[in-house]
């Protein structure tokens, strides 16, 4: 059976944690901008289409 006690993600070669953090920040920014656009569209629809 496989041994699952040791986690090797932090010591694995090739991990680029700063790039991971930057990708996460970019994703969060994209979600915020997209939500702002959607909210703006919905508000404009509520104003002009009623």
PDB file of N, CA and C in Angstrom:
ATOM      1  N   UNK A   1       0.844  -1.174   0.000  1.00  0.00           N
ATOM      2  CA  UNK A   1       0.000   0.000   0.000  1.00  0.00           C
ATOM      3  C   UNK A   1       0.897   1.249   0.000  1.00  0.00           C
ATOM      4  N   UNK A   2       0.437   2.304  -0.596  1.00  0.00           N
ATOM      5  CA  UNK A   2       1.221   3.535  -0.700  1.00  0.00           C
ATOM      6  C   UNK A   2       1.298   4.243   0.648  1.00  0.00           C
ATOM      7  N   UNK A   3       2.437   4.856   0.904  1.00  0.00           N
ATOM      8  CA  UNK A   3       2.629   5.630   2.125  1.00  0.00           C
ATOM      9  C   UNK A   3       2.235   7.075   1.844  1.00  0.00           C
ATOM     10  N   UNK A   4       1.299   7.632   2.616  1.00  0.00           N
ATOM     11  CA  UNK A   4       0.787   8.983   2.393  1.00  0.00           C
ATOM     12  C   UNK A   4       1.194   9.962   3.486  1.00  0.00           C
ATOM     13  N   UNK A   5       2.154   9.611   4.297  1.00  0.00           N
ATOM     14  CA  UNK A   5       2.510  10.447   5.433  1.00  0.00           C
ATOM     15  C   UNK A   5       3.382  11.635   5.044  1.00  0.00           C
ATOM     16  N   UNK A   6       4.190  11.506   4.014  1.00  0.00           N
ATOM     17  CA  UNK A   6       5.140  12.559   3.666  1.00  0.00           C
ATOM     18  C   UNK A   6       4.621  13.394   2.492  1.00  0.00           C
ATOM     19  N   UNK A   7       4.552  14.707   2.684  1.00  0.00           N
ATOM     20  CA  UNK A   7       4.125  15.623   1.638  1.00  0.00           C
ATOM     21  C   UNK A   7       5.372  16.246   1.032  1.00  0.00           C
ATOM     22  N   UNK A   8       5.502  16.168  -0.289  1.00  0.00           N
ATOM     23  CA  UNK A   8       6.715  16.651  -0.932  1.00  0.00           C
ATOM     24  C   UNK A   8       6.477  17.819  -1.870  1.00  0.00           C
ATOM     25  N   UNK A   9       5.319  18.456  -1.777  1.00  0.00           N
ATOM     26  CA  UNK A   9       5.028  19.553  -2.678  1.00  0.00           C
ATOM     27  C   UNK A   9       5.967  20.731  -2.466  1.00  0.00           C
ATOM     28  N   UNK A  10       6.294  21.053  -1.239  1.00  0.00           N
ATOM     29  CA  UNK A  10       7.131  22.212  -0.945  1.00  0.00           C
ATOM     30  C   UNK A  10       8.578  21.993  -1.364  1.00  0.00           C
ATOM     31  N   UNK A  11       9.010  20.748  -1.430  1.00  0.00           N
ATOM     32  CA  UNK A  11      10.407  20.480  -1.752  1.00  0.00           C
ATOM     33  C   UNK A  11      10.589  19.962  -3.173  1.00  0.00           C
ATOM     34  N   UNK A  12       9.525  19.823  -3.918  1.00  0.00           N
ATOM     35  CA  UNK A  12       9.638  19.314  -5.278  1.00  0.00           C
ATOM     36  C   UNK A  12      10.380  20.310  -6.152  1.00  0.00           C
ATOM     37  N   UNK A  13      11.175  19.801  -7.076  1.00  0.00           N
ATOM     38  CA  UNK A  13      11.900  20.683  -7.980  1.00  0.00           C
ATOM     39  C   UNK A  13      10.937  21.266  -8.998  1.00  0.00           C
ATOM     40  N   UNK A  14      11.152  22.508  -9.352  1.00  0.00           N
ATOM     41  CA  UNK A  14      10.327  23.139 -10.366  1.00  0.00           C
ATOM     42  C   UNK A  14       9.133  23.901  -9.827  1.00  0.00           C
ATOM     43  N   UNK A  15       8.889  23.870  -8.525  1.00  0.00           N
ATOM     44  CA  UNK A  15       7.785  24.661  -7.978  1.00  0.00           C
ATOM     45  C   UNK A  15       8.124  26.139  -8.080  1.00  0.00           C
ATOM     46  N   UNK A  16       7.201  26.894  -8.615  1.00  0.00           N
ATOM     47  CA  UNK A  16       7.404  28.335  -8.771  1.00  0.00           C
ATOM     48  C   UNK A  16       6.285  29.041  -8.009  1.00  0.00           C
ATOM     49  N   UNK A  17       6.438  29.110  -6.688  1.00  0.00           N
ATOM     50  CA  UNK A  17       5.382  29.641  -5.835  1.00  0.00           C
ATOM     51  C   UNK A  17       5.060  31.102  -6.132  1.00  0.00           C
ATOM     52  N   UNK A  18       6.044  31.978  -6.389  1.00  0.00           N
ATOM     53  CA  UNK A  18       5.681  33.360  -6.749  1.00  0.00           C
ATOM     54  C   UNK A  18       4.820  33.438  -8.014  1.00  0.00           C
ATOM     55  N   UNK A  19       5.083  32.594  -8.987  1.00  0.00           N
ATOM     56  CA  UNK A  19       4.254  32.585 -10.192  1.00  0.00           C
ATOM     57  C   UNK A  19       2.841  32.106  -9.862  1.00  0.00           C
ATOM     58  N   UNK A  20       2.737  31.143  -8.964  1.00  0.00           N
ATOM     59  CA  UNK A  20       1.417  30.662  -8.536  1.00  0.00           C
ATOM     60  C   UNK A  20       0.640  31.783  -7.850  1.00  0.00           C
ATOM     61  N   UNK A  21       1.298  32.511  -6.962  1.00  0.00           N
ATOM     62  CA  UNK A  21       0.631  33.616  -6.274  1.00  0.00           C
ATOM     63  C   UNK A  21       0.192  34.698  -7.256  1.00  0.00           C
ATOM     64  N   UNK A  22       1.023  35.012  -8.235  1.00  0.00           N
ATOM     65  CA  UNK A  22       0.675  36.033  -9.219  1.00  0.00           C
ATOM     66  C   UNK A  22      -0.511  35.573 -10.068  1.00  0.00           C
ATOM     67  N   UNK A  23      -0.539  34.308 -10.440  1.00  0.00           N
ATOM     68  CA  UNK A  23      -1.660  33.770 -11.204  1.00  0.00           C
ATOM     69  C   UNK A  23      -2.948  33.863 -10.391  1.00  0.00           C
ATOM     70  N   UNK A  24      -2.868  33.556  -9.100  1.00  0.00           N
ATOM     71  CA  UNK A  24      -4.041  33.647  -8.236  1.00  0.00           C
ATOM     72  C   UNK A  24      -4.527  35.095  -8.126  1.00  0.00           C
ATOM     73  N   UNK A  25      -3.593  36.034  -7.960  1.00  0.00           N
ATOM     74  CA  UNK A  25      -3.981  37.450  -7.890  1.00  0.00           C
ATOM     75  C   UNK A  25      -4.637  37.898  -9.196  1.00  0.00           C
ATOM     76  N   UNK A  26      -4.086  37.473 -10.322  1.00  0.00           N
ATOM     77  CA  UNK A  26      -4.674  37.824 -11.622  1.00  0.00           C
ATOM     78  C   UNK A  26      -6.077  37.247 -11.756  1.00  0.00           C
ATOM     79  N   UNK A  27      -6.273  36.018 -11.281  1.00  0.00           N
ATOM     80  CA  UNK A  27      -7.586  35.396 -11.343  1.00  0.00           C
ATOM     81  C   UNK A  27      -8.597  36.157 -10.493  1.00  0.00           C
ATOM     82  N   UNK A  28      -8.210  36.532  -9.290  1.00  0.00           N
ATOM     83  CA  UNK A  28      -9.100  37.271  -8.400  1.00  0.00           C
ATOM     84  C   UNK A  28      -9.457  38.626  -9.013  1.00  0.00           C
ATOM     85  N   UNK A  29      -8.474  39.298  -9.603  1.00  0.00           N
ATOM     86  CA  UNK A  29      -8.726  40.573 -10.271  1.00  0.00           C
ATOM     87  C   UNK A  29      -9.700  40.389 -11.435  1.00  0.00           C
ATOM     88  N   UNK A  30      -9.504  39.347 -12.219  1.00  0.00           N
ATOM     89  CA  UNK A  30     -10.398  39.063 -13.337  1.00  0.00           C
ATOM     90  C   UNK A  30     -11.826  38.825 -12.849  1.00  0.00           C
ATOM     91  N   UNK A  31     -11.984  38.086 -11.768  1.00  0.00           N
ATOM     92  CA  UNK A  31     -13.320  37.827 -11.215  1.00  0.00           C
ATOM     93  C   UNK A  31     -13.968  39.130 -10.757  1.00  0.00           C
ATOM     94  N   UNK A  32     -13.200  39.982 -10.085  1.00  0.00           N
ATOM     95  CA  UNK A  32     -13.749  41.259  -9.606  1.00  0.00           C
ATOM     96  C   UNK A  32     -14.189  42.145 -10.766  1.00  0.00           C
ATOM     97  N   UNK A  33     -13.366  42.250 -11.790  1.00  0.00           N
ATOM     98  CA  UNK A  33     -13.703  43.083 -12.950  1.00  0.00           C
ATOM     99  C   UNK A  33     -14.926  42.517 -13.667  1.00  0.00           C
ATOM    100  N   UNK A  34     -14.965  41.215 -13.843  1.00  0.00           N
ATOM    101  CA  UNK A  34     -16.101  40.586 -14.512  1.00  0.00           C
ATOM    102  C   UNK A  34     -17.387  40.802 -13.727  1.00  0.00           C
ATOM    103  N   UNK A  35     -17.319  40.669 -12.414  1.00  0.00           N
ATOM    104  CA  UNK A  35     -18.507  40.892 -11.594  1.00  0.00           C
ATOM    105  C   UNK A  35     -18.965  42.347 -11.668  1.00  0.00           C
ATOM    106  N   UNK A  36     -18.032  43.278 -11.701  1.00  0.00           N
ATOM    107  CA  UNK A  36     -18.389  44.695 -11.820  1.00  0.00           C
ATOM    108  C   UNK A  36     -19.092  44.954 -13.150  1.00  0.00           C
ATOM    109  N   UNK A  37     -18.605  44.349 -14.208  1.00  0.00           N
ATOM    110  CA  UNK A  37     -19.226  44.522 -15.521  1.00  0.00           C
ATOM    111  C   UNK A  37     -20.635  43.931 -15.525  1.00  0.00           C
ATOM    112  N   UNK A  38     -20.791  42.748 -14.964  1.00  0.00           N
ATOM    113  CA  UNK A  38     -22.107  42.098 -14.928  1.00  0.00           C
ATOM    114  C   UNK A  38     -23.089  42.919 -14.101  1.00  0.00           C
ATOM    115  N   UNK A  39     -22.657  43.413 -12.943  1.00  0.00           N
ATOM    116  CA  UNK A  39     -23.532  44.231 -12.106  1.00  0.00           C
ATOM    117  C   UNK A  39     -23.931  45.509 -12.837  1.00  0.00           C
ATOM    118  N   UNK A  40     -22.986  46.131 -13.530  1.00  0.00           N
ATOM    119  CA  UNK A  40     -23.287  47.344 -14.293  1.00  0.00           C
ATOM    120  C   UNK A  40     -24.320  47.063 -15.378  1.00  0.00           C
ATOM    121  N   UNK A  41     -24.155  45.967 -16.089  1.00  0.00           N
ATOM    122  CA  UNK A  41     -25.110  45.611 -17.144  1.00  0.00           C
ATOM    123  C   UNK A  41     -26.495  45.372 -16.556  1.00  0.00           C
ATOM    124  N   UNK A  42     -26.565  44.654 -15.440  1.00  0.00           N
ATOM    125  CA  UNK A  42     -27.866  44.374 -14.823  1.00  0.00           C
ATOM    126  C   UNK A  42     -28.538  45.654 -14.337  1.00  0.00           C
ATOM    127  N   UNK A  43     -27.767  46.561 -13.743  1.00  0.00           N
ATOM    128  CA  UNK A  43     -28.332  47.830 -13.290  1.00  0.00           C
ATOM    129  C   UNK A  43     -28.822  48.653 -14.475  1.00  0.00           C
ATOM    130  N   UNK A  44     -28.048  48.709 -15.543  1.00  0.00           N
ATOM    131  CA  UNK A  44     -28.488  49.449 -16.734  1.00  0.00           C
ATOM    132  C   UNK A  44     -29.739  48.829 -17.351  1.00  0.00           C
ATOM    133  N   UNK A  45     -29.809  47.506 -17.340  1.00  0.00           N
ATOM    134  CA  UNK A  45     -31.012  46.847 -17.845  1.00  0.00           C
ATOM    135  C   UNK A  45     -32.222  47.183 -16.969  1.00  0.00           C
ATOM    136  N   UNK A  46     -32.005  47.249 -15.661  1.00  0.00           N
ATOM    137  CA  UNK A  46     -33.119  47.581 -14.749  1.00  0.00           C
ATOM    138  C   UNK A  46     -33.589  49.004 -14.969  1.00  0.00           C
ATOM    139  N   UNK A  47     -32.677  49.893 -15.297  1.00  0.00           N
ATOM    140  CA  UNK A  47     -33.040  51.296 -15.499  1.00  0.00           C
ATOM    141  C   UNK A  47     -33.734  51.499 -16.848  1.00  0.00           C
ATOM    142  N   UNK A  48     -33.143  50.984 -17.905  1.00  0.00           N
ATOM    143  CA  UNK A  48     -33.617  51.300 -19.254  1.00  0.00           C
ATOM    144  C   UNK A  48     -34.643  50.327 -19.834  1.00  0.00           C
ATOM    145  N   UNK A  49     -34.787  49.164 -19.259  1.00  0.00           N
ATOM    146  CA  UNK A  49     -35.714  48.199 -19.831  1.00  0.00           C
ATOM    147  C   UNK A  49     -37.003  48.033 -19.039  1.00  0.00           C
ATOM    148  N   UNK A  50     -37.221  48.917 -18.062  1.00  0.00           N
ATOM    149  CA  UNK A  50     -38.472  48.791 -17.301  1.00  0.00           C
ATOM    150  C   UNK A  50     -39.440  49.880 -17.670  1.00  0.00           C
TER     151      UNK A  50
END
